[in-house]
PDB file of N, CA and C in Angstrom:
ATOM      1  N   UNK A   1       0.811  -1.198   0.000  1.00  0.00           N
ATOM      2  CA  UNK A   1       0.000   0.000   0.000  1.00  0.00           C
ATOM      3  C   UNK A   1       0.858   1.266   0.000  1.00  0.00           C
ATOM      4  N   UNK A   2       2.161   1.087   0.040  1.00  0.00           N
ATOM      5  CA  UNK A   2       3.056   2.239  -0.009  1.00  0.00           C
ATOM      6  C   UNK A   2       3.072   2.818  -1.420  1.00  0.00           C
ATOM      7  N   UNK A   3       3.435   4.066  -1.512  1.00  0.00           N
ATOM      8  CA  UNK A   3       3.518   4.715  -2.811  1.00  0.00           C
ATOM      9  C   UNK A   3       4.772   4.256  -3.544  1.00  0.00           C
ATOM     10  N   UNK A   4       4.649   4.042  -4.830  1.00  0.00           N
ATOM     11  CA  UNK A   4       5.790   3.689  -5.661  1.00  0.00           C
ATOM     12  C   UNK A   4       6.644   4.948  -5.882  1.00  0.00           C
ATOM     13  N   UNK A   5       7.941   4.791  -6.082  1.00  0.00           N
ATOM     14  CA  UNK A   5       8.813   5.961  -6.260  1.00  0.00           C
ATOM     15  C   UNK A   5       8.381   6.884  -7.398  1.00  0.00           C
ATOM     16  N   UNK A   6       7.899   6.324  -8.507  1.00  0.00           N
ATOM     17  CA  UNK A   6       7.479   7.189  -9.613  1.00  0.00           C
ATOM     18  C   UNK A   6       6.213   7.961  -9.266  1.00  0.00           C
ATOM     19  N   UNK A   7       5.290   7.346  -8.516  1.00  0.00           N
ATOM     20  CA  UNK A   7       4.085   8.058  -8.066  1.00  0.00           C
ATOM     21  C   UNK A   7       4.474   9.202  -7.131  1.00  0.00           C
ATOM     22  N   UNK A   8       5.411   8.905  -6.237  1.00  0.00           N
ATOM     23  CA  UNK A   8       5.859   9.895  -5.268  1.00  0.00           C
ATOM     24  C   UNK A   8       6.502  11.091  -5.968  1.00  0.00           C
ATOM     25  N   UNK A   9       7.326  10.817  -6.987  1.00  0.00           N
ATOM     26  CA  UNK A   9       7.978  11.897  -7.727  1.00  0.00           C
ATOM     27  C   UNK A   9       6.967  12.795  -8.418  1.00  0.00           C
ATOM     28  N   UNK A  10       5.930  12.205  -9.011  1.00  0.00           N
ATOM     29  CA  UNK A  10       4.898  12.997  -9.688  1.00  0.00           C
ATOM     30  C   UNK A  10       4.197  13.935  -8.720  1.00  0.00           C
ATOM     31  N   UNK A  11       3.868  13.411  -7.550  1.00  0.00           N
ATOM     32  CA  UNK A  11       3.182  14.235  -6.548  1.00  0.00           C
ATOM     33  C   UNK A  11       4.089  15.360  -6.070  1.00  0.00           C
ATOM     34  N   UNK A  12       5.346  15.043  -5.817  1.00  0.00           N
ATOM     35  CA  UNK A  12       6.288  16.065  -5.356  1.00  0.00           C
ATOM     36  C   UNK A  12       6.463  17.145  -6.424  1.00  0.00           C
ATOM     37  N   UNK A  13       6.597  16.735  -7.689  1.00  0.00           N
ATOM     38  CA  UNK A  13       6.745  17.701  -8.784  1.00  0.00           C
ATOM     39  C   UNK A  13       5.545  18.638  -8.864  1.00  0.00           C
ATOM     40  N   UNK A  14       4.368  18.110  -8.623  1.00  0.00           N
ATOM     41  CA  UNK A  14       3.154  18.919  -8.748  1.00  0.00           C
ATOM     42  C   UNK A  14       2.995  19.934  -7.615  1.00  0.00           C
ATOM     43  N   UNK A  15       3.401  19.564  -6.399  1.00  0.00           N
ATOM     44  CA  UNK A  15       3.110  20.404  -5.238  1.00  0.00           C
ATOM     45  C   UNK A  15       4.316  21.107  -4.632  1.00  0.00           C
ATOM     46  N   UNK A  16       5.506  20.922  -5.196  1.00  0.00           N
ATOM     47  CA  UNK A  16       6.691  21.540  -4.594  1.00  0.00           C
ATOM     48  C   UNK A  16       6.655  23.059  -4.758  1.00  0.00           C
ATOM     49  N   UNK A  17       7.288  23.738  -3.809  1.00  0.00           N
ATOM     50  CA  UNK A  17       7.320  25.202  -3.806  1.00  0.00           C
ATOM     51  C   UNK A  17       8.581  25.738  -4.484  1.00  0.00           C
ATOM     52  N   UNK A  18       9.656  24.970  -4.450  1.00  0.00           N
ATOM     53  CA  UNK A  18      10.900  25.355  -5.104  1.00  0.00           C
ATOM     54  C   UNK A  18      11.602  24.099  -5.601  1.00  0.00           C
ATOM     55  N   UNK A  19      12.730  24.262  -6.227  1.00  0.00           N
ATOM     56  CA  UNK A  19      13.389  23.163  -6.945  1.00  0.00           C
ATOM     57  C   UNK A  19      13.664  21.928  -6.080  1.00  0.00           C
ATOM     58  N   UNK A  20      14.163  22.125  -4.876  1.00  0.00           N
ATOM     59  CA  UNK A  20      14.555  20.995  -4.030  1.00  0.00           C
ATOM     60  C   UNK A  20      13.551  20.716  -2.910  1.00  0.00           C
ATOM     61  N   UNK A  21      12.334  21.156  -3.060  1.00  0.00           N
ATOM     62  CA  UNK A  21      11.328  21.020  -2.016  1.00  0.00           C
ATOM     63  C   UNK A  21      10.768  19.599  -1.965  1.00  0.00           C
ATOM     64  N   UNK A  22      10.930  18.940  -0.825  1.00  0.00           N
ATOM     65  CA  UNK A  22      10.307  17.634  -0.619  1.00  0.00           C
ATOM     66  C   UNK A  22       9.576  17.561   0.714  1.00  0.00           C
ATOM     67  N   UNK A  23       9.670  18.612   1.533  1.00  0.00           N
ATOM     68  CA  UNK A  23       9.109  18.532   2.874  1.00  0.00           C
ATOM     69  C   UNK A  23       8.163  19.637   3.252  1.00  0.00           C
ATOM     70  N   UNK A  24       7.763  20.476   2.311  1.00  0.00           N
ATOM     71  CA  UNK A  24       6.823  21.539   2.650  1.00  0.00           C
ATOM     72  C   UNK A  24       5.488  20.910   3.039  1.00  0.00           C
ATOM     73  N   UNK A  25       4.667  21.624   3.791  1.00  0.00           N
ATOM     74  CA  UNK A  25       3.373  21.064   4.194  1.00  0.00           C
ATOM     75  C   UNK A  25       2.526  20.626   2.997  1.00  0.00           C
ATOM     76  N   UNK A  26       2.589  21.376   1.911  1.00  0.00           N
ATOM     77  CA  UNK A  26       1.799  21.016   0.733  1.00  0.00           C
ATOM     78  C   UNK A  26       2.195  19.643   0.197  1.00  0.00           C
ATOM     79  N   UNK A  27       3.494  19.404   0.094  1.00  0.00           N
ATOM     80  CA  UNK A  27       3.979  18.119  -0.424  1.00  0.00           C
ATOM     81  C   UNK A  27       3.605  16.998   0.543  1.00  0.00           C
ATOM     82  N   UNK A  28       3.818  17.224   1.834  1.00  0.00           N
ATOM     83  CA  UNK A  28       3.500  16.195   2.821  1.00  0.00           C
ATOM     84  C   UNK A  28       2.017  15.843   2.804  1.00  0.00           C
ATOM     85  N   UNK A  29       1.159  16.853   2.729  1.00  0.00           N
ATOM     86  CA  UNK A  29      -0.284  16.615   2.722  1.00  0.00           C
ATOM     87  C   UNK A  29      -0.698  15.881   1.458  1.00  0.00           C
ATOM     88  N   UNK A  30      -0.123  16.257   0.328  1.00  0.00           N
ATOM     89  CA  UNK A  30      -0.456  15.581  -0.930  1.00  0.00           C
ATOM     90  C   UNK A  30      -0.040  14.112  -0.885  1.00  0.00           C
ATOM     91  N   UNK A  31       1.141  13.818  -0.341  1.00  0.00           N
ATOM     92  CA  UNK A  31       1.592  12.436  -0.232  1.00  0.00           C
ATOM     93  C   UNK A  31       0.707  11.644   0.723  1.00  0.00           C
ATOM     94  N   UNK A  32       0.352  12.249   1.846  1.00  0.00           N
ATOM     95  CA  UNK A  32      -0.542  11.571   2.790  1.00  0.00           C
ATOM     96  C   UNK A  32      -1.903  11.299   2.167  1.00  0.00           C
ATOM     97  N   UNK A  33      -2.410  12.252   1.392  1.00  0.00           N
ATOM     98  CA  UNK A  33      -3.714  12.074   0.749  1.00  0.00           C
ATOM     99  C   UNK A  33      -3.688  10.889  -0.203  1.00  0.00           C
ATOM    100  N   UNK A  34      -2.615  10.748  -0.945  1.00  0.00           N
ATOM    101  CA  UNK A  34      -2.503   9.620  -1.876  1.00  0.00           C
ATOM    102  C   UNK A  34      -2.417   8.299  -1.120  1.00  0.00           C
ATOM    103  N   UNK A  35      -1.665   8.280  -0.029  1.00  0.00           N
ATOM    104  CA  UNK A  35      -1.585   7.057   0.780  1.00  0.00           C
ATOM    105  C   UNK A  35      -2.937   6.716   1.388  1.00  0.00           C
ATOM    106  N   UNK A  36      -3.679   7.730   1.831  1.00  0.00           N
ATOM    107  CA  UNK A  36      -5.007   7.509   2.400  1.00  0.00           C
ATOM    108  C   UNK A  36      -5.926   6.891   1.355  1.00  0.00           C
ATOM    109  N   UNK A  37      -5.865   7.391   0.127  1.00  0.00           N
ATOM    110  CA  UNK A  37      -6.694   6.833  -0.941  1.00  0.00           C
ATOM    111  C   UNK A  37      -6.385   5.356  -1.172  1.00  0.00           C
ATOM    112  N   UNK A  38      -5.092   5.003  -1.138  1.00  0.00           N
ATOM    113  CA  UNK A  38      -4.708   3.604  -1.344  1.00  0.00           C
ATOM    114  C   UNK A  38      -5.228   2.711  -0.211  1.00  0.00           C
ATOM    115  N   UNK A  39      -5.108   3.183   1.027  1.00  0.00           N
ATOM    116  CA  UNK A  39      -5.565   2.376   2.159  1.00  0.00           C
ATOM    117  C   UNK A  39      -7.085   2.228   2.135  1.00  0.00           C
ATOM    118  N   UNK A  40      -7.792   3.284   1.773  1.00  0.00           N
ATOM    119  CA  UNK A  40      -9.255   3.204   1.680  1.00  0.00           C
ATOM    120  C   UNK A  40      -9.657   2.178   0.621  1.00  0.00           C
ATOM    121  N   UNK A  41      -8.967   2.186  -0.505  1.00  0.00           N
ATOM    122  CA  UNK A  41      -9.238   1.186  -1.543  1.00  0.00           C
ATOM    123  C   UNK A  41      -8.991  -0.224  -1.040  1.00  0.00           C
ATOM    124  N   UNK A  42      -7.915  -0.412  -0.284  1.00  0.00           N
ATOM    125  CA  UNK A  42      -7.602  -1.719   0.290  1.00  0.00           C
ATOM    126  C   UNK A  42      -8.704  -2.153   1.264  1.00  0.00           C
ATOM    127  N   UNK A  43      -9.177  -1.203   2.080  1.00  0.00           N
ATOM    128  CA  UNK A  43     -10.188  -1.549   3.076  1.00  0.00           C
ATOM    129  C   UNK A  43     -11.542  -1.862   2.443  1.00  0.00           C
ATOM    130  N   UNK A  44     -11.802  -1.337   1.256  1.00  0.00           N
ATOM    131  CA  UNK A  44     -13.043  -1.697   0.570  1.00  0.00           C
ATOM    132  C   UNK A  44     -13.019  -3.161   0.155  1.00  0.00           C
ATOM    133  N   UNK A  45     -11.840  -3.664  -0.205  1.00  0.00           N
ATOM    134  CA  UNK A  45     -11.700  -5.074  -0.582  1.00  0.00           C
ATOM    135  C   UNK A  45     -11.567  -5.979   0.645  1.00  0.00           C
ATOM    136  N   UNK A  46     -10.980  -5.458   1.721  1.00  0.00           N
ATOM    137  CA  UNK A  46     -10.725  -6.247   2.931  1.00  0.00           C
ATOM    138  C   UNK A  46     -11.291  -5.523   4.152  1.00  0.00           C
ATOM    139  N   UNK A  47     -12.605  -5.540   4.319  1.00  0.00           N
ATOM    140  CA  UNK A  47     -13.224  -4.741   5.385  1.00  0.00           C
ATOM    141  C   UNK A  47     -12.863  -5.177   6.813  1.00  0.00           C
ATOM    142  N   UNK A  48     -12.342  -6.383   6.999  1.00  0.00           N
ATOM    143  CA  UNK A  48     -12.016  -6.851   8.349  1.00  0.00           C
ATOM    144  C   UNK A  48     -10.555  -6.650   8.718  1.00  0.00           C
ATOM    145  N   UNK A  49      -9.813  -5.942   7.917  1.00  0.00           N
ATOM    146  CA  UNK A  49      -8.396  -5.684   8.175  1.00  0.00           C
ATOM    147  C   UNK A  49      -8.274  -4.546   9.198  1.00  0.00           C
ATOM    148  N   UNK A  50      -8.282  -4.916  10.451  1.00  0.00           N
ATOM    149  CA  UNK A  50      -8.278  -3.919  11.538  1.00  0.00           C
ATOM    150  C   UNK A  50      -6.946  -3.192  11.659  1.00  0.00           C
ATOM    151  N   UNK A  51      -5.856  -3.861  11.326  1.00  0.00           N
ATOM    152  CA  UNK A  51      -4.547  -3.209  11.433  1.00  0.00           C
ATOM    153  C   UNK A  51      -4.416  -2.070  10.421  1.00  0.00           C
ATOM    154  N   UNK A  52      -4.898  -2.304   9.215  1.00  0.00           N
ATOM    155  CA  UNK A  52      -4.843  -1.243   8.205  1.00  0.00           C
ATOM    156  C   UNK A  52      -5.792  -0.103   8.562  1.00  0.00           C
ATOM    157  N   UNK A  53      -6.918  -0.427   9.177  1.00  0.00           N
ATOM    158  CA  UNK A  53      -7.864   0.617   9.596  1.00  0.00           C
ATOM    159  C   UNK A  53      -7.221   1.515  10.645  1.00  0.00           C
ATOM    160  N   UNK A  54      -6.479   0.914  11.564  1.00  0.00           N
ATOM    161  CA  UNK A  54      -5.787   1.705  12.585  1.00  0.00           C
ATOM    162  C   UNK A  54      -4.719   2.593  11.944  1.00  0.00           C
ATOM    163  N   UNK A  55      -4.004   2.061  10.981  1.00  0.00           N
ATOM    164  CA  UNK A  55      -3.014   2.857  10.265  1.00  0.00           C
ATOM    165  C   UNK A  55      -3.656   4.017   9.523  1.00  0.00           C
ATOM    166  N   UNK A  56      -4.832   3.752   8.945  1.00  0.00           N
ATOM    167  CA  UNK A  56      -5.560   4.806   8.234  1.00  0.00           C
ATOM    168  C   UNK A  56      -5.936   5.943   9.175  1.00  0.00           C
ATOM    169  N   UNK A  57      -6.381   5.600  10.367  1.00  0.00           N
ATOM    170  CA  UNK A  57      -6.743   6.627  11.349  1.00  0.00           C
ATOM    171  C   UNK A  57      -5.536   7.489  11.688  1.00  0.00           C
ATOM    172  N   UNK A  58      -4.361   6.866  11.802  1.00  0.00           N
ATOM    173  CA  UNK A  58      -3.137   7.625  12.065  1.00  0.00           C
ATOM    174  C   UNK A  58      -2.779   8.556  10.925  1.00  0.00           C
ATOM    175  N   UNK A  59      -2.913   8.074   9.683  1.00  0.00           N
ATOM    176  CA  UNK A  59      -2.612   8.909   8.513  1.00  0.00           C
ATOM    177  C   UNK A  59      -3.557  10.108   8.445  1.00  0.00           C
ATOM    178  N   UNK A  60      -4.829   9.866   8.713  1.00  0.00           N
ATOM    179  CA  UNK A  60      -5.815  10.952   8.664  1.00  0.00           C
ATOM    180  C   UNK A  60      -5.503  11.989   9.737  1.00  0.00           C
ATOM    181  N   UNK A  61      -5.126  11.541  10.925  1.00  0.00           N
ATOM    182  CA  UNK A  61      -4.777  12.470  12.000  1.00  0.00           C
ATOM    183  C   UNK A  61      -3.554  13.296  11.662  1.00  0.00           C
ATOM    184  N   UNK A  62      -2.560  12.657  11.065  1.00  0.00           N
ATOM    185  CA  UNK A  62      -1.342  13.379  10.677  1.00  0.00           C
ATOM    186  C   UNK A  62      -1.660  14.429   9.619  1.00  0.00           C
ATOM    187  N   UNK A  63      -2.487  14.061   8.636  1.00  0.00           N
ATOM    188  CA  UNK A  63      -2.868  15.016   7.596  1.00  0.00           C
ATOM    189  C   UNK A  63      -3.654  16.171   8.197  1.00  0.00           C
ATOM    190  N   UNK A  64      -4.543  15.868   9.140  1.00  0.00           N
ATOM    191  CA  UNK A  64      -5.340  16.921   9.770  1.00  0.00           C
ATOM    192  C   UNK A  64      -4.453  17.908  10.516  1.00  0.00           C
ATOM    193  N   UNK A  65      -3.428  17.395  11.224  1.00  0.00           N
ATOM    194  CA  UNK A  65      -2.506  18.286  11.942  1.00  0.00           C
ATOM    195  C   UNK A  65      -1.731  19.176  10.977  1.00  0.00           C
ATOM    196  N   UNK A  66      -1.278  18.609   9.869  1.00  0.00           N
ATOM    197  CA  UNK A  66      -0.546  19.414   8.887  1.00  0.00           C
ATOM    198  C   UNK A  66      -1.455  20.458   8.244  1.00  0.00           C
ATOM    199  N   UNK A  67      -2.705  20.090   7.962  1.00  0.00           N
ATOM    200  CA  UNK A  67      -3.645  21.060   7.402  1.00  0.00           C
ATOM    201  C   UNK A  67      -3.898  22.198   8.388  1.00  0.00           C
ATOM    202  N   UNK A  68      -4.029  21.866   9.663  1.00  0.00           N
ATOM    203  CA  UNK A  68      -4.250  22.901  10.669  1.00  0.00           C
ATOM    204  C   UNK A  68      -3.040  23.829  10.755  1.00  0.00           C
ATOM    205  N   UNK A  69      -1.837  23.265  10.702  1.00  0.00           N
ATOM    206  CA  UNK A  69      -0.612  24.058  10.716  1.00  0.00           C
ATOM    207  C   UNK A  69      -0.570  25.009   9.524  1.00  0.00           C
ATOM    208  N   UNK A  70      -0.889  24.486   8.342  1.00  0.00           N
ATOM    209  CA  UNK A  70      -0.848  25.319   7.134  1.00  0.00           C
ATOM    210  C   UNK A  70      -1.899  26.420   7.201  1.00  0.00           C
ATOM    211  N   UNK A  71      -3.081  26.099   7.713  1.00  0.00           N
ATOM    212  CA  UNK A  71      -4.137  27.104   7.830  1.00  0.00           C
ATOM    213  C   UNK A  71      -3.701  28.238   8.762  1.00  0.00           C
ATOM    214  N   UNK A  72      -3.029  27.886   9.847  1.00  0.00           N
ATOM    215  CA  UNK A  72      -2.579  28.900  10.799  1.00  0.00           C
ATOM    216  C   UNK A  72      -1.460  29.758  10.208  1.00  0.00           C
ATOM    217  N   UNK A  73      -0.614  29.164   9.365  1.00  0.00           N
ATOM    218  CA  UNK A  73       0.523  29.891   8.802  1.00  0.00           C
ATOM    219  C   UNK A  73       0.155  30.749   7.599  1.00  0.00           C
ATOM    220  N   UNK A  74      -0.622  30.184   6.667  1.00  0.00           N
ATOM    221  CA  UNK A  74      -0.931  30.891   5.423  1.00  0.00           C
ATOM    222  C   UNK A  74      -2.248  30.360   4.861  1.00  0.00           C
ATOM    223  N   UNK A  75      -3.303  31.115   5.066  1.00  0.00           N
ATOM    224  CA  UNK A  75      -4.636  30.646   4.687  1.00  0.00           C
ATOM    225  C   UNK A  75      -4.823  30.533   3.178  1.00  0.00           C
ATOM    226  N   UNK A  76      -4.145  31.376   2.395  1.00  0.00           N
ATOM    227  CA  UNK A  76      -4.264  31.283   0.934  1.00  0.00           C
ATOM    228  C   UNK A  76      -3.678  29.970   0.413  1.00  0.00           C
ATOM    229  N   UNK A  77      -2.497  29.620   0.899  1.00  0.00           N
ATOM    230  CA  UNK A  77      -1.897  28.344   0.499  1.00  0.00           C
ATOM    231  C   UNK A  77      -2.786  27.179   0.917  1.00  0.00           C
ATOM    232  N   UNK A  78      -3.374  27.287   2.096  1.00  0.00           N
ATOM    233  CA  UNK A  78      -4.273  26.255   2.616  1.00  0.00           C
ATOM    234  C   UNK A  78      -5.475  26.060   1.688  1.00  0.00           C
ATOM    235  N   UNK A  79      -6.126  27.147   1.326  1.00  0.00           N
ATOM    236  CA  UNK A  79      -7.305  27.055   0.456  1.00  0.00           C
ATOM    237  C   UNK A  79      -6.944  26.530  -0.932  1.00  0.00           C
ATOM    238  N   UNK A  80      -5.818  26.975  -1.482  1.00  0.00           N
ATOM    239  CA  UNK A  80      -5.382  26.482  -2.789  1.00  0.00           C
ATOM    240  C   UNK A  80      -5.105  24.980  -2.753  1.00  0.00           C
ATOM    241  N   UNK A  81      -4.515  24.526  -1.665  1.00  0.00           N
ATOM    242  CA  UNK A  81      -4.227  23.096  -1.538  1.00  0.00           C
ATOM    243  C   UNK A  81      -5.511  22.282  -1.432  1.00  0.00           C
ATOM    244  N   UNK A  82      -6.477  22.770  -0.672  1.00  0.00           N
ATOM    245  CA  UNK A  82      -7.749  22.071  -0.558  1.00  0.00           C
ATOM    246  C   UNK A  82      -8.412  21.912  -1.923  1.00  0.00           C
ATOM    247  N   UNK A  83      -8.368  22.973  -2.725  1.00  0.00           N
ATOM    248  CA  UNK A  83      -8.943  22.898  -4.082  1.00  0.00           C
ATOM    249  C   UNK A  83      -8.179  21.908  -4.945  1.00  0.00           C
ATOM    250  N   UNK A  84      -6.851  21.951  -4.884  1.00  0.00           N
ATOM    251  CA  UNK A  84      -6.034  21.077  -5.720  1.00  0.00           C
ATOM    252  C   UNK A  84      -6.224  19.602  -5.398  1.00  0.00           C
ATOM    253  N   UNK A  85      -6.457  19.300  -4.115  1.00  0.00           N
ATOM    254  CA  UNK A  85      -6.606  17.915  -3.695  1.00  0.00           C
ATOM    255  C   UNK A  85      -8.068  17.474  -3.580  1.00  0.00           C
ATOM    256  N   UNK A  86      -8.991  18.371  -3.859  1.00  0.00           N
ATOM    257  CA  UNK A  86     -10.429  18.083  -3.739  1.00  0.00           C
ATOM    258  C   UNK A  86     -10.792  17.619  -2.334  1.00  0.00           C
ATOM    259  N   UNK A  87     -10.273  18.331  -1.337  1.00  0.00           N
ATOM    260  CA  UNK A  87     -10.612  18.042   0.051  1.00  0.00           C
ATOM    261  C   UNK A  87     -11.629  19.066   0.512  1.00  0.00           C
ATOM    262  N   UNK A  88     -12.499  18.646   1.412  1.00  0.00           N
ATOM    263  CA  UNK A  88     -13.464  19.605   1.956  1.00  0.00           C
ATOM    264  C   UNK A  88     -13.129  19.844   3.420  1.00  0.00           C
ATOM    265  N   UNK A  89     -13.388  21.039   3.877  1.00  0.00           N
ATOM    266  CA  UNK A  89     -13.078  21.382   5.246  1.00  0.00           C
ATOM    267  C   UNK A  89     -14.163  22.246   5.799  1.00  0.00           C
TER     268      UNK A  89
END
């Protein structure tokens, strides 16, 4: 359920703020969102996989904390990211 290196590179290229950016909140949130989508797809096929469900809850919490951090720091970047990732808040 981990992201493949080529998938990860595409996401980083799309959301990076500068040439060597791999850790900005936007990139981290985009990567977490993609991982969440993969785990949700897995759980649709395997609804009794409790370990993956627990991992999903952790990923969602981490993404929520990063979104809150970004909202507090720069609301315009936050809103643009929500639109780009089709997230609702």
